[in-house]
Amino acid sequence: MGRLFIESVSGKKIFKCKSCKVDSASHQDIVSKEFQGRFGKAYLFKNVVNISLGPTEERHLLSGLHIVNDIYCSSCQQILGWRYEKAYEEREKYKEGLYILERERLLKDDR
């Protein structure tokens, strides 16, 4: 197995994987804090790092039917949230290509 490439995030507030403390996203990339995940509060991000994508699947969420991929920490494989691949409803299309990170699975690091 090769070496694991870990990307660092710049900024004053960084979100990290709660399990292994690897950078996941910058506070400045938050699109919305008004989302609900499997484990409670979740944030919608435009950019995340150090993740791997799970298989594509259709999922019924609170906002309707979407095609999503679960996202995992590339360091420890902890599930962190999901990526919106496709939204069927027009009013939900803005989510396509964006990421949900579950607050329960993150640590906030104020640098």
PDB file of N, CA and C in Angstrom:
ATOM      1  N   MET A   1       0.847  -1.174   0.000  1.00  0.00           N
ATOM      2  CA  MET A   1       0.000   0.000   0.000  1.00  0.00           C
ATOM      3  C   MET A   1       0.891   1.234   0.000  1.00  0.00           C
ATOM      4  N   GLY A   2       0.480   2.266  -0.731  1.00  0.00           N
ATOM      5  CA  GLY A   2       1.255   3.492  -0.842  1.00  0.00           C
ATOM      6  C   GLY A   2       1.063   4.402   0.353  1.00  0.00           C
ATOM      7  N   ARG A   3       1.713   5.515   0.282  1.00  0.00           N
ATOM      8  CA  ARG A   3       1.622   6.527   1.324  1.00  0.00           C
ATOM      9  C   ARG A   3       0.314   7.285   1.224  1.00  0.00           C
ATOM     10  N   LEU A   4      -0.241   7.643   2.349  1.00  0.00           N
ATOM     11  CA  LEU A   4      -1.490   8.401   2.400  1.00  0.00           C
ATOM     12  C   LEU A   4      -1.179   9.885   2.291  1.00  0.00           C
ATOM     13  N   PHE A   5      -1.784  10.560   1.322  1.00  0.00           N
ATOM     14  CA  PHE A   5      -1.606  11.996   1.149  1.00  0.00           C
ATOM     15  C   PHE A   5      -2.659  12.716   1.977  1.00  0.00           C
ATOM     16  N   ILE A   6      -2.229  13.545   2.915  1.00  0.00           N
ATOM     17  CA  ILE A   6      -3.134  14.307   3.773  1.00  0.00           C
ATOM     18  C   ILE A   6      -2.977  15.776   3.431  1.00  0.00           C
ATOM     19  N   GLU A   7      -4.082  16.411   3.094  1.00  0.00           N
ATOM     20  CA  GLU A   7      -4.092  17.825   2.744  1.00  0.00           C
ATOM     21  C   GLU A   7      -4.455  18.654   3.974  1.00  0.00           C
ATOM     22  N   SER A   8      -3.771  19.773   4.151  1.00  0.00           N
ATOM     23  CA  SER A   8      -4.079  20.697   5.243  1.00  0.00           C
ATOM     24  C   SER A   8      -4.988  21.797   4.737  1.00  0.00           C
ATOM     25  N   VAL A   9      -5.794  22.334   5.642  1.00  0.00           N
ATOM     26  CA  VAL A   9      -6.729  23.404   5.309  1.00  0.00           C
ATOM     27  C   VAL A   9      -6.237  24.677   5.986  1.00  0.00           C
ATOM     28  N   SER A  10      -6.322  25.802   5.271  1.00  0.00           N
ATOM     29  CA  SER A  10      -5.923  27.079   5.866  1.00  0.00           C
ATOM     30  C   SER A  10      -7.158  27.817   6.385  1.00  0.00           C
ATOM     31  N   GLY A  11      -6.916  28.736   7.283  1.00  0.00           N
ATOM     32  CA  GLY A  11      -7.996  29.526   7.847  1.00  0.00           C
ATOM     33  C   GLY A  11      -7.938  29.539   9.358  1.00  0.00           C
ATOM     34  N   LYS A  12      -8.753  30.396   9.948  1.00  0.00           N
ATOM     35  CA  LYS A  12      -8.762  30.535  11.410  1.00  0.00           C
ATOM     36  C   LYS A  12      -9.567  29.432  12.093  1.00  0.00           C
ATOM     37  N   LYS A  13     -10.617  28.953  11.430  1.00  0.00           N
ATOM     38  CA  LYS A  13     -11.458  27.894  12.002  1.00  0.00           C
ATOM     39  C   LYS A  13     -11.459  26.710  11.050  1.00  0.00           C
ATOM     40  N   ILE A  14     -11.044  25.566  11.562  1.00  0.00           N
ATOM     41  CA  ILE A  14     -10.933  24.345  10.766  1.00  0.00           C
ATOM     42  C   ILE A  14     -11.758  23.252  11.430  1.00  0.00           C
ATOM     43  N   PHE A  15     -12.435  22.468  10.610  1.00  0.00           N
ATOM     44  CA  PHE A  15     -13.137  21.286  11.094  1.00  0.00           C
ATOM     45  C   PHE A  15     -12.273  20.073  10.797  1.00  0.00           C
ATOM     46  N   LYS A  16     -12.146  19.195  11.796  1.00  0.00           N
ATOM     47  CA  LYS A  16     -11.316  18.000  11.683  1.00  0.00           C
ATOM     48  C   LYS A  16     -12.146  16.758  11.976  1.00  0.00           C
ATOM     49  N   CYS A  17     -11.690  15.634  11.450  1.00  0.00           N
ATOM     50  CA  CYS A  17     -12.312  14.349  11.778  1.00  0.00           C
ATOM     51  C   CYS A  17     -12.169  14.132  13.284  1.00  0.00           C
ATOM     52  N   LYS A  18     -13.262  13.836  13.942  1.00  0.00           N
ATOM     53  CA  LYS A  18     -13.251  13.629  15.403  1.00  0.00           C
ATOM     54  C   LYS A  18     -12.431  12.400  15.797  1.00  0.00           C
ATOM     55  N   SER A  19     -12.374  11.405  14.937  1.00  0.00           N
ATOM     56  CA  SER A  19     -11.670  10.159  15.268  1.00  0.00           C
ATOM     57  C   SER A  19     -10.160  10.273  15.162  1.00  0.00           C
ATOM     58  N   CYS A  20      -9.649  10.909  14.088  1.00  0.00           N
ATOM     59  CA  CYS A  20      -8.194  10.903  13.862  1.00  0.00           C
ATOM     60  C   CYS A  20      -7.568  12.296  13.788  1.00  0.00           C
ATOM     61  N   LYS A  21      -8.393  13.341  13.892  1.00  0.00           N
ATOM     62  CA  LYS A  21      -7.919  14.736  13.947  1.00  0.00           C
ATOM     63  C   LYS A  21      -7.309  15.252  12.634  1.00  0.00           C
ATOM     64  N   VAL A  22      -7.632  14.626  11.512  1.00  0.00           N
ATOM     65  CA  VAL A  22      -7.170  15.087  10.200  1.00  0.00           C
ATOM     66  C   VAL A  22      -8.109  16.193   9.714  1.00  0.00           C
ATOM     67  N   ASP A  23      -7.556  17.246   9.079  1.00  0.00           N
ATOM     68  CA  ASP A  23      -8.378  18.335   8.540  1.00  0.00           C
ATOM     69  C   ASP A  23      -9.438  17.798   7.589  1.00  0.00           C
ATOM     70  N   SER A  24     -10.654  18.382   7.684  1.00  0.00           N
ATOM     71  CA  SER A  24     -11.745  17.996   6.794  1.00  0.00           C
ATOM     72  C   SER A  24     -12.285  19.171   5.987  1.00  0.00           C
ATOM     73  N   ALA A  25     -12.393  20.366   6.613  1.00  0.00           N
ATOM     74  CA  ALA A  25     -12.973  21.515   5.910  1.00  0.00           C
ATOM     75  C   ALA A  25     -12.648  22.810   6.652  1.00  0.00           C
ATOM     76  N   SER A  26     -12.769  23.902   5.929  1.00  0.00           N
ATOM     77  CA  SER A  26     -12.581  25.228   6.505  1.00  0.00           C
ATOM     78  C   SER A  26     -13.940  25.856   6.795  1.00  0.00           C
ATOM     79  N   HIS A  27     -14.001  26.595   7.884  1.00  0.00           N
ATOM     80  CA  HIS A  27     -15.231  27.303   8.247  1.00  0.00           C
ATOM     81  C   HIS A  27     -15.699  28.226   7.117  1.00  0.00           C
ATOM     82  N   GLN A  28     -14.761  28.806   6.379  1.00  0.00           N
ATOM     83  CA  GLN A  28     -15.130  29.736   5.310  1.00  0.00           C
ATOM     84  C   GLN A  28     -15.807  29.046   4.120  1.00  0.00           C
ATOM     85  N   ASP A  29     -15.776  27.714   4.063  1.00  0.00           N
ATOM     86  CA  ASP A  29     -16.438  26.973   2.989  1.00  0.00           C
ATOM     87  C   ASP A  29     -17.842  26.505   3.347  1.00  0.00           C
ATOM     88  N   ILE A  30     -18.355  26.931   4.508  1.00  0.00           N
ATOM     89  CA  ILE A  30     -19.729  26.574   4.891  1.00  0.00           C
ATOM     90  C   ILE A  30     -20.715  27.345   4.024  1.00  0.00           C
ATOM     91  N   VAL A  31     -21.650  26.621   3.442  1.00  0.00           N
ATOM     92  CA  VAL A  31     -22.745  27.218   2.673  1.00  0.00           C
ATOM     93  C   VAL A  31     -23.942  27.440   3.597  1.00  0.00           C
ATOM     94  N   SER A  32     -24.205  26.471   4.487  1.00  0.00           N
ATOM     95  CA  SER A  32     -25.336  26.568   5.411  1.00  0.00           C
ATOM     96  C   SER A  32     -25.091  25.707   6.650  1.00  0.00           C
ATOM     97  N   LYS A  33     -25.597  26.196   7.785  1.00  0.00           N
ATOM     98  CA  LYS A  33     -25.546  25.429   9.035  1.00  0.00           C
ATOM     99  C   LYS A  33     -26.917  24.866   9.393  1.00  0.00           C
ATOM    100  N   GLU A  34     -27.861  24.964   8.483  1.00  0.00           N
ATOM    101  CA  GLU A  34     -29.255  24.595   8.748  1.00  0.00           C
ATOM    102  C   GLU A  34     -29.625  23.228   8.183  1.00  0.00           C
ATOM    103  N   PHE A  35     -28.771  22.237   8.369  1.00  0.00           N
ATOM    104  CA  PHE A  35     -29.036  20.905   7.842  1.00  0.00           C
ATOM    105  C   PHE A  35     -29.095  19.886   8.967  1.00  0.00           C
ATOM    106  N   GLN A  36     -29.745  18.780   8.667  1.00  0.00           N
ATOM    107  CA  GLN A  36     -29.904  17.684   9.613  1.00  0.00           C
ATOM    108  C   GLN A  36     -29.244  16.452   9.019  1.00  0.00           C
ATOM    109  N   GLY A  37     -28.410  15.781   9.805  1.00  0.00           N
ATOM    110  CA  GLY A  37     -27.766  14.554   9.369  1.00  0.00           C
ATOM    111  C   GLY A  37     -28.330  13.365  10.110  1.00  0.00           C
ATOM    112  N   ARG A  38     -27.686  12.243   9.971  1.00  0.00           N
ATOM    113  CA  ARG A  38     -28.114  11.020  10.664  1.00  0.00           C
ATOM    114  C   ARG A  38     -27.976  11.154  12.180  1.00  0.00           C
ATOM    115  N   PHE A  39     -26.985  11.946  12.615  1.00  0.00           N
ATOM    116  CA  PHE A  39     -26.646  12.039  14.032  1.00  0.00           C
ATOM    117  C   PHE A  39     -26.941  13.409  14.627  1.00  0.00           C
ATOM    118  N   GLY A  40     -27.768  14.207  13.958  1.00  0.00           N
ATOM    119  CA  GLY A  40     -28.096  15.539  14.467  1.00  0.00           C
ATOM    120  C   GLY A  40     -27.693  16.624  13.487  1.00  0.00           C
ATOM    121  N   LYS A  41     -27.222  17.763  14.032  1.00  0.00           N
ATOM    122  CA  LYS A  41     -26.869  18.917  13.208  1.00  0.00           C
ATOM    123  C   LYS A  41     -25.810  18.566  12.175  1.00  0.00           C
ATOM    124  N   ALA A  42     -25.941  19.203  11.023  1.00  0.00           N
ATOM    125  CA  ALA A  42     -24.972  19.008   9.945  1.00  0.00           C
ATOM    126  C   ALA A  42     -24.799  20.320   9.189  1.00  0.00           C
ATOM    127  N   TYR A  43     -23.628  20.469   8.567  1.00  0.00           N
ATOM    128  CA  TYR A  43     -23.309  21.674   7.809  1.00  0.00           C
ATOM    129  C   TYR A  43     -23.130  21.307   6.341  1.00  0.00           C
ATOM    130  N   LEU A  44     -23.547  22.215   5.465  1.00  0.00           N
ATOM    131  CA  LEU A  44     -23.358  22.061   4.029  1.00  0.00           C
ATOM    132  C   LEU A  44     -22.105  22.833   3.633  1.00  0.00           C
ATOM    133  N   PHE A  45     -21.147  22.153   2.996  1.00  0.00           N
ATOM    134  CA  PHE A  45     -19.869  22.744   2.589  1.00  0.00           C
ATOM    135  C   PHE A  45     -19.718  22.712   1.073  1.00  0.00           C
ATOM    136  N   LYS A  46     -18.995  23.704   0.551  1.00  0.00           N
ATOM    137  CA  LYS A  46     -18.687  23.685  -0.884  1.00  0.00           C
ATOM    138  C   LYS A  46     -17.398  22.924  -1.171  1.00  0.00           C
ATOM    139  N   ASN A  47     -16.492  22.850  -0.208  1.00  0.00           N
ATOM    140  CA  ASN A  47     -15.224  22.129  -0.376  1.00  0.00           C
ATOM    141  C   ASN A  47     -14.906  21.332   0.882  1.00  0.00           C
ATOM    142  N   VAL A  48     -14.410  20.106   0.705  1.00  0.00           N
ATOM    143  CA  VAL A  48     -13.892  19.300   1.805  1.00  0.00           C
ATOM    144  C   VAL A  48     -12.612  18.626   1.318  1.00  0.00           C
ATOM    145  N   VAL A  49     -11.778  18.187   2.255  1.00  0.00           N
ATOM    146  CA  VAL A  49     -10.520  17.516   1.901  1.00  0.00           C
ATOM    147  C   VAL A  49     -10.393  16.224   2.699  1.00  0.00           C
ATOM    148  N   ASN A  50      -9.467  15.405   2.262  1.00  0.00           N
ATOM    149  CA  ASN A  50      -9.134  14.162   2.969  1.00  0.00           C
ATOM    150  C   ASN A  50     -10.341  13.240   3.150  1.00  0.00           C
ATOM    151  N   ILE A  51     -11.091  13.095   2.068  1.00  0.00           N
ATOM    152  CA  ILE A  51     -12.256  12.207   2.096  1.00  0.00           C
ATOM    153  C   ILE A  51     -12.161  11.203   0.952  1.00  0.00           C
ATOM    154  N   SER A  52     -12.880  10.123   1.094  1.00  0.00           N
ATOM    155  CA  SER A  52     -13.093   9.179  -0.005  1.00  0.00           C
ATOM    156  C   SER A  52     -14.597   9.003  -0.153  1.00  0.00           C
ATOM    157  N   LEU A  53     -15.017   8.749  -1.386  1.00  0.00           N
ATOM    158  CA  LEU A  53     -16.441   8.608  -1.693  1.00  0.00           C
ATOM    159  C   LEU A  53     -16.861   7.150  -1.675  1.00  0.00           C
ATOM    160  N   GLY A  54     -18.031   6.913  -1.099  1.00  0.00           N
ATOM    161  CA  GLY A  54     -18.639   5.598  -1.158  1.00  0.00           C
ATOM    162  C   GLY A  54     -19.421   5.447  -2.459  1.00  0.00           C
ATOM    163  N   PRO A  55     -20.112   4.340  -2.635  1.00  0.00           N
ATOM    164  CA  PRO A  55     -20.884   4.120  -3.856  1.00  0.00           C
ATOM    165  C   PRO A  55     -22.047   5.105  -3.989  1.00  0.00           C
ATOM    166  N   THR A  56     -22.435   5.359  -5.212  1.00  0.00           N
ATOM    167  CA  THR A  56     -23.570   6.229  -5.519  1.00  0.00           C
ATOM    168  C   THR A  56     -24.855   5.467  -5.228  1.00  0.00           C
ATOM    169  N   GLU A  57     -25.804   6.147  -4.554  1.00  0.00           N
ATOM    170  CA  GLU A  57     -27.090   5.509  -4.258  1.00  0.00           C
ATOM    171  C   GLU A  57     -28.196   6.555  -4.178  1.00  0.00           C
ATOM    172  N   GLU A  58     -29.411   6.125  -4.462  1.00  0.00           N
ATOM    173  CA  GLU A  58     -30.577   6.987  -4.257  1.00  0.00           C
ATOM    174  C   GLU A  58     -30.944   6.923  -2.783  1.00  0.00           C
ATOM    175  N   ARG A  59     -31.268   8.103  -2.215  1.00  0.00           N
ATOM    176  CA  ARG A  59     -31.611   8.140  -0.796  1.00  0.00           C
ATOM    177  C   ARG A  59     -32.743   9.143  -0.590  1.00  0.00           C
ATOM    178  N   HIS A  60     -33.744   8.730   0.181  1.00  0.00           N
ATOM    179  CA  HIS A  60     -34.829   9.628   0.570  1.00  0.00           C
ATOM    180  C   HIS A  60     -34.373  10.418   1.790  1.00  0.00           C
ATOM    181  N   LEU A  61     -34.192  11.718   1.629  1.00  0.00           N
ATOM    182  CA  LEU A  61     -33.787  12.606   2.711  1.00  0.00           C
ATOM    183  C   LEU A  61     -34.963  13.497   3.087  1.00  0.00           C
ATOM    184  N   LEU A  62     -34.810  14.310   4.104  1.00  0.00           N
ATOM    185  CA  LEU A  62     -35.900  15.195   4.538  1.00  0.00           C
ATOM    186  C   LEU A  62     -36.388  16.107   3.419  1.00  0.00           C
ATOM    187  N   SER A  63     -35.489  16.477   2.508  1.00  0.00           N
ATOM    188  CA  SER A  63     -35.838  17.388   1.421  1.00  0.00           C
ATOM    189  C   SER A  63     -36.228  16.667   0.131  1.00  0.00           C
ATOM    190  N   GLY A  64     -36.373  15.348   0.181  1.00  0.00           N
ATOM    191  CA  GLY A  64     -36.799  14.610  -1.002  1.00  0.00           C
ATOM    192  C   GLY A  64     -35.775  13.578  -1.442  1.00  0.00           C
ATOM    193  N   LEU A  65     -35.982  13.045  -2.638  1.00  0.00           N
ATOM    194  CA  LEU A  65     -35.124  12.006  -3.196  1.00  0.00           C
ATOM    195  C   LEU A  65     -33.889  12.632  -3.837  1.00  0.00           C
ATOM    196  N   HIS A  66     -32.716  12.103  -3.484  1.00  0.00           N
ATOM    197  CA  HIS A  66     -31.450  12.578  -4.031  1.00  0.00           C
ATOM    198  C   HIS A  66     -30.581  11.374  -4.385  1.00  0.00           C
ATOM    199  N   ILE A  67     -29.614  11.595  -5.265  1.00  0.00           N
ATOM    200  CA  ILE A  67     -28.546  10.630  -5.486  1.00  0.00           C
ATOM    201  C   ILE A  67     -27.346  11.161  -4.718  1.00  0.00           C
ATOM    202  N   VAL A  68     -26.793  10.341  -3.827  1.00  0.00           N
ATOM    203  CA  VAL A  68     -25.718  10.767  -2.927  1.00  0.00           C
ATOM    204  C   VAL A  68     -24.610   9.713  -2.878  1.00  0.00           C
ATOM    205  N   ASN A  69     -23.464  10.120  -2.353  1.00  0.00           N
ATOM    206  CA  ASN A  69     -22.370   9.220  -1.995  1.00  0.00           C
ATOM    207  C   ASN A  69     -22.039   9.500  -0.542  1.00  0.00           C
ATOM    208  N   ASP A  70     -21.929   8.475   0.281  1.00  0.00           N
ATOM    209  CA  ASP A  70     -21.404   8.685   1.628  1.00  0.00           C
ATOM    210  C   ASP A  70     -19.956   9.124   1.486  1.00  0.00           C
ATOM    211  N   ILE A  71     -19.485   9.958   2.429  1.00  0.00           N
ATOM    212  CA  ILE A  71     -18.085  10.358   2.421  1.00  0.00           C
ATOM    213  C   ILE A  71     -17.426   9.876   3.711  1.00  0.00           C
ATOM    214  N   TYR A  72     -16.190   9.414   3.564  1.00  0.00           N
ATOM    215  CA  TYR A  72     -15.417   8.823   4.647  1.00  0.00           C
ATOM    216  C   TYR A  72     -14.104   9.581   4.805  1.00  0.00           C
ATOM    217  N   CYS A  73     -13.616   9.671   6.013  1.00  0.00           N
ATOM    218  CA  CYS A  73     -12.290  10.219   6.267  1.00  0.00           C
ATOM    219  C   CYS A  73     -11.275   9.314   5.556  1.00  0.00           C
ATOM    220  N   SER A  74     -10.406   9.907   4.754  1.00  0.00           N
ATOM    221  CA  SER A  74      -9.439   9.094   4.013  1.00  0.00           C
ATOM    222  C   SER A  74      -8.352   8.524   4.919  1.00  0.00           C
ATOM    223  N   SER A  75      -8.222   9.053   6.133  1.00  0.00           N
ATOM    224  CA  SER A  75      -7.214   8.562   7.067  1.00  0.00           C
ATOM    225  C   SER A  75      -7.711   7.384   7.898  1.00  0.00           C
ATOM    226  N   CYS A  76      -8.901   7.517   8.509  1.00  0.00           N
ATOM    227  CA  CYS A  76      -9.391   6.473   9.430  1.00  0.00           C
ATOM    228  C   CYS A  76     -10.658   5.764   8.951  1.00  0.00           C
ATOM    229  N   GLN A  77     -11.219   6.205   7.828  1.00  0.00           N
ATOM    230  CA  GLN A  77     -12.422   5.606   7.222  1.00  0.00           C
ATOM    231  C   GLN A  77     -13.696   5.821   8.022  1.00  0.00           C
ATOM    232  N   GLN A  78     -13.697   6.756   8.960  1.00  0.00           N
ATOM    233  CA  GLN A  78     -14.912   7.123   9.704  1.00  0.00           C
ATOM    234  C   GLN A  78     -15.878   7.808   8.741  1.00  0.00           C
ATOM    235  N   ILE A  79     -17.150   7.428   8.746  1.00  0.00           N
ATOM    236  CA  ILE A  79     -18.131   8.117   7.908  1.00  0.00           C
ATOM    237  C   ILE A  79     -18.335   9.531   8.476  1.00  0.00           C
ATOM    238  N   LEU A  80     -18.272  10.528   7.590  1.00  0.00           N
ATOM    239  CA  LEU A  80     -18.387  11.925   7.999  1.00  0.00           C
ATOM    240  C   LEU A  80     -19.679  12.575   7.530  1.00  0.00           C
ATOM    241  N   GLY A  81     -20.282  12.046   6.490  1.00  0.00           N
ATOM    242  CA  GLY A  81     -21.492  12.646   5.928  1.00  0.00           C
ATOM    243  C   GLY A  81     -21.754  12.095   4.538  1.00  0.00           C
ATOM    244  N   TRP A  82     -22.163  12.978   3.617  1.00  0.00           N
ATOM    245  CA  TRP A  82     -22.423  12.551   2.249  1.00  0.00           C
ATOM    246  C   TRP A  82     -22.226  13.704   1.279  1.00  0.00           C
ATOM    247  N   ARG A  83     -22.139  13.350  -0.010  1.00  0.00           N
ATOM    248  CA  ARG A  83     -22.030  14.310  -1.104  1.00  0.00           C
ATOM    249  C   ARG A  83     -23.291  14.206  -1.941  1.00  0.00           C
ATOM    250  N   TYR A  84     -23.856  15.356  -2.289  1.00  0.00           N
ATOM    251  CA  TYR A  84     -25.021  15.384  -3.167  1.00  0.00           C
ATOM    252  C   TYR A  84     -24.554  15.273  -4.611  1.00  0.00           C
ATOM    253  N   GLU A  85     -24.889  14.181  -5.246  1.00  0.00           N
ATOM    254  CA  GLU A  85     -24.562  13.963  -6.653  1.00  0.00           C
ATOM    255  C   GLU A  85     -25.634  14.577  -7.551  1.00  0.00           C
ATOM    256  N   LYS A  86     -26.909  14.318  -7.212  1.00  0.00           N
ATOM    257  CA  LYS A  86     -28.018  14.813  -8.034  1.00  0.00           C
ATOM    258  C   LYS A  86     -29.236  15.031  -7.154  1.00  0.00           C
ATOM    259  N   ALA A  87     -29.948  16.112  -7.456  1.00  0.00           N
ATOM    260  CA  ALA A  87     -31.230  16.396  -6.811  1.00  0.00           C
ATOM    261  C   ALA A  87     -32.307  16.336  -7.888  1.00  0.00           C
ATOM    262  N   TYR A  88     -33.414  15.696  -7.589  1.00  0.00           N
ATOM    263  CA  TYR A  88     -34.477  15.566  -8.577  1.00  0.00           C
ATOM    264  C   TYR A  88     -35.381  16.792  -8.634  1.00  0.00           C
ATOM    265  N   GLU A  89     -35.582  17.434  -7.487  1.00  0.00           N
ATOM    266  CA  GLU A  89     -36.457  18.603  -7.453  1.00  0.00           C
ATOM    267  C   GLU A  89     -35.659  19.866  -7.796  1.00  0.00           C
ATOM    268  N   GLU A  90     -36.246  20.719  -8.592  1.00  0.00           N
ATOM    269  CA  GLU A  90     -35.569  21.935  -9.066  1.00  0.00           C
ATOM    270  C   GLU A  90     -35.071  22.802  -7.902  1.00  0.00           C
ATOM    271  N   ARG A  91     -35.868  22.942  -6.862  1.00  0.00           N
ATOM    272  CA  ARG A  91     -35.488  23.811  -5.741  1.00  0.00           C
ATOM    273  C   ARG A  91     -34.342  23.239  -4.912  1.00  0.00           C
ATOM    274  N   GLU A  92     -33.968  21.986  -5.141  1.00  0.00           N
ATOM    275  CA  GLU A  92     -32.883  21.337  -4.417  1.00  0.00           C
ATOM    276  C   GLU A  92     -31.590  21.236  -5.244  1.00  0.00           C
ATOM    277  N   LYS A  93     -31.610  21.681  -6.493  1.00  0.00           N
ATOM    278  CA  LYS A  93     -30.467  21.548  -7.405  1.00  0.00           C
ATOM    279  C   LYS A  93     -29.214  22.262  -6.905  1.00  0.00           C
ATOM    280  N   TYR A  94     -29.364  23.314  -6.100  1.00  0.00           N
ATOM    281  CA  TYR A  94     -28.202  24.053  -5.604  1.00  0.00           C
ATOM    282  C   TYR A  94     -27.269  23.175  -4.765  1.00  0.00           C
ATOM    283  N   LYS A  95     -27.765  22.050  -4.262  1.00  0.00           N
ATOM    284  CA  LYS A  95     -26.968  21.153  -3.421  1.00  0.00           C
ATOM    285  C   LYS A  95     -26.028  20.261  -4.229  1.00  0.00           C
ATOM    286  N   GLU A  96     -26.273  20.129  -5.513  1.00  0.00           N
ATOM    287  CA  GLU A  96     -25.479  19.209  -6.331  1.00  0.00           C
ATOM    288  C   GLU A  96     -23.995  19.557  -6.274  1.00  0.00           C
ATOM    289  N   GLY A  97     -23.177  18.557  -5.979  1.00  0.00           N
ATOM    290  CA  GLY A  97     -21.741  18.742  -5.876  1.00  0.00           C
ATOM    291  C   GLY A  97     -21.271  19.258  -4.523  1.00  0.00           C
ATOM    292  N   LEU A  98     -22.205  19.509  -3.593  1.00  0.00           N
ATOM    293  CA  LEU A  98     -21.850  20.003  -2.268  1.00  0.00           C
ATOM    294  C   LEU A  98     -21.826  18.846  -1.257  1.00  0.00           C
ATOM    295  N   TYR A  99     -21.277  19.128  -0.075  1.00  0.00           N
ATOM    296  CA  TYR A  99     -21.014  18.090   0.920  1.00  0.00           C
ATOM    297  C   TYR A  99     -21.707  18.392   2.237  1.00  0.00           C
ATOM    298  N   ILE A 100     -22.264  17.364   2.840  1.00  0.00           N
ATOM    299  CA  ILE A 100     -22.785  17.440   4.206  1.00  0.00           C
ATOM    300  C   ILE A 100     -21.760  16.804   5.134  1.00  0.00           C
ATOM    301  N   LEU A 101     -21.341  17.559   6.151  1.00  0.00           N
ATOM    302  CA  LEU A 101     -20.510  16.999   7.219  1.00  0.00           C
ATOM    303  C   LEU A 101     -21.321  17.053   8.504  1.00  0.00           C
ATOM    304  N   GLU A 102     -21.376  15.933   9.185  1.00  0.00           N
ATOM    305  CA  GLU A 102     -22.154  15.834  10.409  1.00  0.00           C
ATOM    306  C   GLU A 102     -21.372  16.419  11.577  1.00  0.00           C
ATOM    307  N   ARG A 103     -21.984  17.346  12.286  1.00  0.00           N
ATOM    308  CA  ARG A 103     -21.330  18.040  13.400  1.00  0.00           C
ATOM    309  C   ARG A 103     -20.830  17.051  14.452  1.00  0.00           C
ATOM    310  N   GLU A 104     -21.567  15.988  14.693  1.00  0.00           N
ATOM    311  CA  GLU A 104     -21.206  14.962  15.673  1.00  0.00           C
ATOM    312  C   GLU A 104     -19.883  14.267  15.327  1.00  0.00           C
ATOM    313  N   ARG A 105     -19.513  14.256  14.061  1.00  0.00           N
ATOM    314  CA  ARG A 105     -18.312  13.545  13.599  1.00  0.00           C
ATOM    315  C   ARG A 105     -17.100  14.459  13.446  1.00  0.00           C
ATOM    316  N   LEU A 106     -17.237  15.751  13.855  1.00  0.00           N
ATOM    317  CA  LEU A 106     -16.187  16.746  13.644  1.00  0.00           C
ATOM    318  C   LEU A 106     -15.705  17.375  14.949  1.00  0.00           C
ATOM    319  N   LEU A 107     -14.470  17.848  14.905  1.00  0.00           N
ATOM    320  CA  LEU A 107     -13.922  18.712  15.950  1.00  0.00           C
ATOM    321  C   LEU A 107     -13.681  20.075  15.318  1.00  0.00           C
ATOM    322  N   LYS A 108     -13.926  21.134  16.057  1.00  0.00           N
ATOM    323  CA  LYS A 108     -13.671  22.483  15.554  1.00  0.00           C
ATOM    324  C   LYS A 108     -12.364  22.968  16.167  1.00  0.00           C
ATOM    325  N   ASP A 109     -11.437  23.383  15.310  1.00  0.00           N
ATOM    326  CA  ASP A 109     -10.112  23.843  15.744  1.00  0.00           C
ATOM    327  C   ASP A 109      -9.986  25.328  15.423  1.00  0.00           C
ATOM    328  N   ASP A 110      -9.946  26.154  16.460  1.00  0.00           N
ATOM    329  CA  ASP A 110      -9.736  27.597  16.283  1.00  0.00           C
ATOM    330  C   ASP A 110      -8.251  27.873  16.367  1.00  0.00           C
ATOM    331  N   ARG A 111      -7.663  28.205  15.247  1.00  0.00           N
ATOM    332  CA  ARG A 111      -6.204  28.419  15.188  1.00  0.00           C
ATOM    333  C   ARG A 111      -5.844  29.832  15.562  1.00  0.00           C
TER     334      ARG A 111
END
